Amino acid sequence: MQKRISNLPFRDTAEQHAELVAVIESLKGQKGAVMPALHKAQEIYGYLPIEVQKQIADGLDVSLEEVYGVSTFYSQFSLTPKGKYHISICLGTACYVKGADKVLDRLIAKLGIQPEECTADGMFSLTACRCIGACGLAPVLTVNDEVYGRLVPEDVDKILAKYQA
């Protein structure tokens, strides 16, 4: 079982900080700048920690509530770090009916993390989503861009072993 990342302080490099400042400066005063600022920030950091959201809010002269609202409304934004191997399990109706909850339970047990967490070594992160769009393969999960379908809980061990090698 892996240990999860919990309460790790946010750290950025001087280069990341300078890049974010440049993005904010280029968008200052533009209507609708929050969305593109968040996209660029996520490209820079891989996720949107609250420190980055505060910097965007201050730099664009909008409320932190607005920035946070946008970052939590749209599913393409992540508020938590992602692992080298990001596992996303579908809990949509077709997948759930066919046992995705049991596959998720096995992932949680094997990785020692909950959805929206990352293992301490940064190897794996886990997300539970609503639909992957492969209902005919239910239950389905993805590891980065690789799709695994018609799963049973026992398949989790083989899938994880492939990425731990």
C-alpha atoms as a PDB file:
ATOM      1  CA  MET A   1       0.000   0.000   0.000  1.00  0.00           C
ATOM      2  CA  GLN A   2       1.303   3.433  -0.938  1.00  0.00           C
ATOM      3  CA  LYS A   3       1.118   6.496   1.285  1.00  0.00           C
ATOM      4  CA  ARG A   4      -0.899   9.441  -0.020  1.00  0.00           C
ATOM      5  CA  ILE A   5       0.183  13.045  -0.369  1.00  0.00           C
ATOM      6  CA  SER A   6      -1.479  15.083   2.345  1.00  0.00           C
ATOM      7  CA  ASN A   7      -0.988  18.718   3.212  1.00  0.00           C
ATOM      8  CA  LEU A   8       2.235  19.092   1.262  1.00  0.00           C
ATOM      9  CA  PRO A   9       3.178  22.743   0.920  1.00  0.00           C
ATOM     10  CA  PHE A  10       2.948  24.302  -2.523  1.00  0.00           C
ATOM     11  CA  ARG A  11       6.312  24.992  -4.114  1.00  0.00           C
ATOM     12  CA  ASP A  12       7.111  26.559  -7.439  1.00  0.00           C
ATOM     13  CA  THR A  13      10.294  27.419  -9.237  1.00  0.00           C
ATOM     14  CA  ALA A  14      11.379  30.913 -10.188  1.00  0.00           C
ATOM     15  CA  GLU A  15      10.740  29.977 -13.827  1.00  0.00           C
ATOM     16  CA  GLN A  16       7.179  28.811 -13.112  1.00  0.00           C
ATOM     17  CA  HIS A  17       6.469  31.948 -11.100  1.00  0.00           C
ATOM     18  CA  ALA A  18       7.848  34.219 -13.838  1.00  0.00           C
ATOM     19  CA  GLU A  19       5.816  32.374 -16.474  1.00  0.00           C
ATOM     20  CA  LEU A  20       2.605  32.771 -14.456  1.00  0.00           C
ATOM     21  CA  VAL A  21       3.286  36.487 -13.879  1.00  0.00           C
ATOM     22  CA  ALA A  22       3.799  36.936 -17.633  1.00  0.00           C
ATOM     23  CA  VAL A  23       0.520  35.143 -18.388  1.00  0.00           C
ATOM     24  CA  ILE A  24      -1.381  37.301 -15.905  1.00  0.00           C
ATOM     25  CA  GLU A  25       0.197  40.484 -17.279  1.00  0.00           C
ATOM     26  CA  SER A  26      -0.754  39.511 -20.845  1.00  0.00           C
ATOM     27  CA  LEU A  27      -4.397  38.998 -19.812  1.00  0.00           C
ATOM     28  CA  LYS A  28      -4.818  41.983 -17.483  1.00  0.00           C
ATOM     29  CA  GLY A  29      -7.831  44.121 -18.307  1.00  0.00           C
ATOM     30  CA  GLN A  30      -9.312  41.597 -20.744  1.00  0.00           C
ATOM     31  CA  LYS A  31     -12.893  40.496 -20.276  1.00  0.00           C
ATOM     32  CA  GLY A  32     -13.135  36.762 -19.571  1.00  0.00           C
ATOM     33  CA  ALA A  33      -9.442  36.465 -18.664  1.00  0.00           C
ATOM     34  CA  VAL A  34      -9.946  34.036 -15.781  1.00  0.00           C
ATOM     35  CA  MET A  35     -10.499  30.963 -17.963  1.00  0.00           C
ATOM     36  CA  PRO A  36      -7.389  31.397 -20.150  1.00  0.00           C
ATOM     37  CA  ALA A  37      -5.319  32.297 -17.077  1.00  0.00           C
ATOM     38  CA  LEU A  38      -6.399  29.075 -15.364  1.00  0.00           C
ATOM     39  CA  HIS A  39      -5.633  27.026 -18.495  1.00  0.00           C
ATOM     40  CA  LYS A  40      -2.136  28.471 -18.727  1.00  0.00           C
ATOM     41  CA  ALA A  41      -1.538  28.100 -14.991  1.00  0.00           C
ATOM     42  CA  GLN A  42      -2.517  24.435 -15.149  1.00  0.00           C
ATOM     43  CA  GLU A  43      -0.109  23.956 -18.057  1.00  0.00           C
ATOM     44  CA  ILE A  44       2.645  25.510 -15.928  1.00  0.00           C
ATOM     45  CA  TYR A  45       1.970  23.672 -12.656  1.00  0.00           C
ATOM     46  CA  GLY A  46      -0.029  20.598 -13.694  1.00  0.00           C
ATOM     47  CA  TYR A  47      -2.845  21.587 -11.333  1.00  0.00           C
ATOM     48  CA  LEU A  48      -4.313  24.715  -9.695  1.00  0.00           C
ATOM     49  CA  PRO A  49      -3.244  25.057  -6.065  1.00  0.00           C
ATOM     50  CA  ILE A  50      -4.979  27.760  -4.044  1.00  0.00           C
ATOM     51  CA  GLU A  51      -1.785  29.857  -4.018  1.00  0.00           C
ATOM     52  CA  VAL A  52      -1.892  30.057  -7.830  1.00  0.00           C
ATOM     53  CA  GLN A  53      -5.605  30.866  -7.797  1.00  0.00           C
ATOM     54  CA  LYS A  54      -4.953  33.719  -5.356  1.00  0.00           C
ATOM     55  CA  GLN A  55      -2.206  35.074  -7.581  1.00  0.00           C
ATOM     56  CA  ILE A  56      -4.524  34.969 -10.604  1.00  0.00           C
ATOM     57  CA  ALA A  57      -7.314  36.713  -8.664  1.00  0.00           C
ATOM     58  CA  ASP A  58      -4.971  39.440  -7.402  1.00  0.00           C
ATOM     59  CA  GLY A  59      -3.288  39.905 -10.776  1.00  0.00           C
ATOM     60  CA  LEU A  60      -6.531  40.102 -12.748  1.00  0.00           C
ATOM     61  CA  ASP A  61      -8.275  42.168 -10.070  1.00  0.00           C
ATOM     62  CA  VAL A  62     -11.135  39.689  -9.648  1.00  0.00           C
ATOM     63  CA  SER A  63     -12.338  37.929  -6.523  1.00  0.00           C
ATOM     64  CA  LEU A  64     -10.827  34.662  -5.377  1.00  0.00           C
ATOM     65  CA  GLU A  65     -14.399  33.349  -5.305  1.00  0.00           C
ATOM     66  CA  GLU A  66     -14.719  33.951  -9.047  1.00  0.00           C
ATOM     67  CA  VAL A  67     -11.432  32.190  -9.803  1.00  0.00           C
ATOM     68  CA  TYR A  68     -12.266  29.290  -7.483  1.00  0.00           C
ATOM     69  CA  GLY A  69     -15.783  29.052  -8.926  1.00  0.00           C
ATOM     70  CA  VAL A  70     -14.444  28.692 -12.462  1.00  0.00           C
ATOM     71  CA  SER A  71     -11.726  26.237 -11.437  1.00  0.00           C
ATOM     72  CA  THR A  72     -14.196  23.980  -9.615  1.00  0.00           C
ATOM     73  CA  PHE A  73     -17.023  24.221 -12.164  1.00  0.00           C
ATOM     74  CA  TYR A  74     -15.114  22.959 -15.204  1.00  0.00           C
ATOM     75  CA  SER A  75     -13.938  19.348 -15.052  1.00  0.00           C
ATOM     76  CA  GLN A  76     -10.765  20.007 -17.067  1.00  0.00           C
ATOM     77  CA  PHE A  77      -9.293  21.843 -14.090  1.00  0.00           C
ATOM     78  CA  SER A  78      -7.667  19.985 -11.226  1.00  0.00           C
ATOM     79  CA  LEU A  79      -7.095  21.362  -7.743  1.00  0.00           C
ATOM     80  CA  THR A  80      -4.865  18.456  -6.752  1.00  0.00           C
ATOM     81  CA  PRO A  81      -1.542  17.234  -8.143  1.00  0.00           C
ATOM     82  CA  LYS A  82      -1.621  14.389 -10.641  1.00  0.00           C
ATOM     83  CA  GLY A  83       0.708  11.421 -10.544  1.00  0.00           C
ATOM     84  CA  LYS A  84       2.927  10.150 -13.333  1.00  0.00           C
ATOM     85  CA  TYR A  85       0.136   7.649 -13.944  1.00  0.00           C
ATOM     86  CA  HIS A  86      -3.282   9.224 -13.582  1.00  0.00           C
ATOM     87  CA  ILE A  87      -6.052   6.678 -13.108  1.00  0.00           C
ATOM     88  CA  SER A  88      -9.586   7.796 -13.889  1.00  0.00           C
ATOM     89  CA  ILE A  89     -12.416   5.379 -13.160  1.00  0.00           C
ATOM     90  CA  CYS A  90     -15.858   5.902 -14.612  1.00  0.00           C
ATOM     91  CA  LEU A  91     -18.736   5.868 -12.149  1.00  0.00           C
ATOM     92  CA  GLY A  92     -21.383   6.704 -14.736  1.00  0.00           C
ATOM     93  CA  THR A  93     -24.581   4.661 -14.748  1.00  0.00           C
ATOM     94  CA  ALA A  94     -23.480   1.860 -17.091  1.00  0.00           C
ATOM     95  CA  CYS A  95     -20.141   1.414 -15.332  1.00  0.00           C
ATOM     96  CA  TYR A  96     -21.628   1.643 -11.854  1.00  0.00           C
ATOM     97  CA  VAL A  97     -24.320  -0.934 -12.610  1.00  0.00           C
ATOM     98  CA  LYS A  98     -21.625  -3.309 -13.866  1.00  0.00           C
ATOM     99  CA  GLY A  99     -19.467  -3.002 -10.738  1.00  0.00           C
ATOM    100  CA  ALA A 100     -17.229   0.052 -11.086  1.00  0.00           C
ATOM    101  CA  ASP A 101     -17.684   0.766  -7.373  1.00  0.00           C
ATOM    102  CA  LYS A 102     -15.992  -2.550  -6.541  1.00  0.00           C
ATOM    103  CA  VAL A 103     -13.128  -1.779  -8.939  1.00  0.00           C
ATOM    104  CA  LEU A 104     -12.755   1.627  -7.273  1.00  0.00           C
ATOM    105  CA  ASP A 105     -12.694  -0.018  -3.833  1.00  0.00           C
ATOM    106  CA  ARG A 106      -9.852  -2.265  -5.018  1.00  0.00           C
ATOM    107  CA  LEU A 107      -7.907   0.725  -6.378  1.00  0.00           C
ATOM    108  CA  ILE A 108      -8.323   2.570  -3.084  1.00  0.00           C
ATOM    109  CA  ALA A 109      -7.135  -0.477  -1.135  1.00  0.00           C
ATOM    110  CA  LYS A 110      -4.121  -1.104  -3.392  1.00  0.00           C
ATOM    111  CA  LEU A 111      -2.978   2.516  -3.724  1.00  0.00           C
ATOM    112  CA  GLY A 112      -3.890   3.714  -0.245  1.00  0.00           C
ATOM    113  CA  ILE A 113      -5.431   6.899  -1.626  1.00  0.00           C
ATOM    114  CA  GLN A 114      -8.915   8.251  -2.187  1.00  0.00           C
ATOM    115  CA  PRO A 115     -10.199   9.889  -5.394  1.00  0.00           C
ATOM    116  CA  GLU A 116      -8.545  13.295  -5.988  1.00  0.00           C
ATOM    117  CA  GLU A 117      -5.404  12.217  -4.167  1.00  0.00           C
ATOM    118  CA  CYS A 118      -1.900  11.326  -5.285  1.00  0.00           C
ATOM    119  CA  THR A 119       0.490   8.772  -3.808  1.00  0.00           C
ATOM    120  CA  ALA A 120       3.383  10.249  -1.839  1.00  0.00           C
ATOM    121  CA  ASP A 121       5.903   9.059  -4.433  1.00  0.00           C
ATOM    122  CA  GLY A 122       3.978  10.891  -7.178  1.00  0.00           C
ATOM    123  CA  MET A 123       3.508   7.708  -9.204  1.00  0.00           C
ATOM    124  CA  PHE A 124      -0.295   7.375  -9.088  1.00  0.00           C
ATOM    125  CA  SER A 125      -3.261   9.679  -8.756  1.00  0.00           C
ATOM    126  CA  LEU A 126      -6.907   8.699  -8.786  1.00  0.00           C
ATOM    127  CA  THR A 127     -10.049  10.382 -10.051  1.00  0.00           C
ATOM    128  CA  ALA A 128     -13.620   9.124 -10.105  1.00  0.00           C
ATOM    129  CA  CYS A 129     -15.418  10.644 -13.092  1.00  0.00           C
ATOM    130  CA  ARG A 130     -18.976  10.549 -14.377  1.00  0.00           C
ATOM    131  CA  CYS A 131     -18.463   9.274 -17.930  1.00  0.00           C
ATOM    132  CA  ILE A 132     -15.533   8.239 -20.084  1.00  0.00           C
ATOM    133  CA  GLY A 133     -17.778   7.625 -23.094  1.00  0.00           C
ATOM    134  CA  ALA A 134     -17.055   3.910 -23.466  1.00  0.00           C
ATOM    135  CA  CYS A 135     -20.264   2.510 -21.999  1.00  0.00           C
ATOM    136  CA  GLY A 136     -20.055  -0.637 -24.141  1.00  0.00           C
ATOM    137  CA  LEU A 137     -16.857  -1.559 -22.272  1.00  0.00           C
ATOM    138  CA  ALA A 138     -18.327  -0.962 -18.794  1.00  0.00           C
ATOM    139  CA  PRO A 139     -16.866  -0.834 -16.242  1.00  0.00           C
ATOM    140  CA  VAL A 140     -13.998   1.273 -17.605  1.00  0.00           C
ATOM    141  CA  LEU A 141     -10.918   3.030 -16.301  1.00  0.00           C
ATOM    142  CA  THR A 142      -8.089   4.888 -17.966  1.00  0.00           C
ATOM    143  CA  VAL A 143      -4.455   5.177 -17.016  1.00  0.00           C
ATOM    144  CA  ASN A 144      -3.289   8.343 -18.746  1.00  0.00           C
ATOM    145  CA  ASP A 145      -4.525   7.678 -22.302  1.00  0.00           C
ATOM    146  CA  GLU A 146      -4.790   3.871 -22.062  1.00  0.00           C
ATOM    147  CA  VAL A 147      -8.342   2.472 -21.758  1.00  0.00           C
ATOM    148  CA  TYR A 148      -9.169  -0.691 -19.800  1.00  0.00           C
ATOM    149  CA  GLY A 149     -12.660  -2.136 -20.070  1.00  0.00           C
ATOM    150  CA  ARG A 150     -14.944  -4.939 -18.896  1.00  0.00           C
ATOM    151  CA  LEU A 151     -13.135  -4.872 -15.586  1.00  0.00           C
ATOM    152  CA  VAL A 152     -13.503  -6.908 -12.431  1.00  0.00           C
ATOM    153  CA  PRO A 153     -11.757  -5.942  -9.172  1.00  0.00           C
ATOM    154  CA  GLU A 154      -9.075  -8.601  -9.678  1.00  0.00           C
ATOM    155  CA  ASP A 155      -7.933  -6.838 -12.889  1.00  0.00           C
ATOM    156  CA  VAL A 156      -6.633  -3.914 -10.815  1.00  0.00           C
ATOM    157  CA  ASP A 157      -3.579  -5.871  -9.630  1.00  0.00           C
ATOM    158  CA  LYS A 158      -2.434  -6.648 -13.200  1.00  0.00           C
ATOM    159  CA  ILE A 159      -3.060  -3.088 -14.386  1.00  0.00           C
ATOM    160  CA  LEU A 160      -1.091  -1.523 -11.523  1.00  0.00           C
ATOM    161  CA  ALA A 161       1.749  -4.058 -11.928  1.00  0.00           C
ATOM    162  CA  LYS A 162       2.191  -2.907 -15.537  1.00  0.00           C
ATOM    163  CA  TYR A 163       2.975   0.640 -14.341  1.00  0.00           C
ATOM    164  CA  GLN A 164       4.988  -0.345 -11.281  1.00  0.00           C
ATOM    165  CA  ALA A 165       7.513  -2.353 -13.328  1.00  0.00           C
END
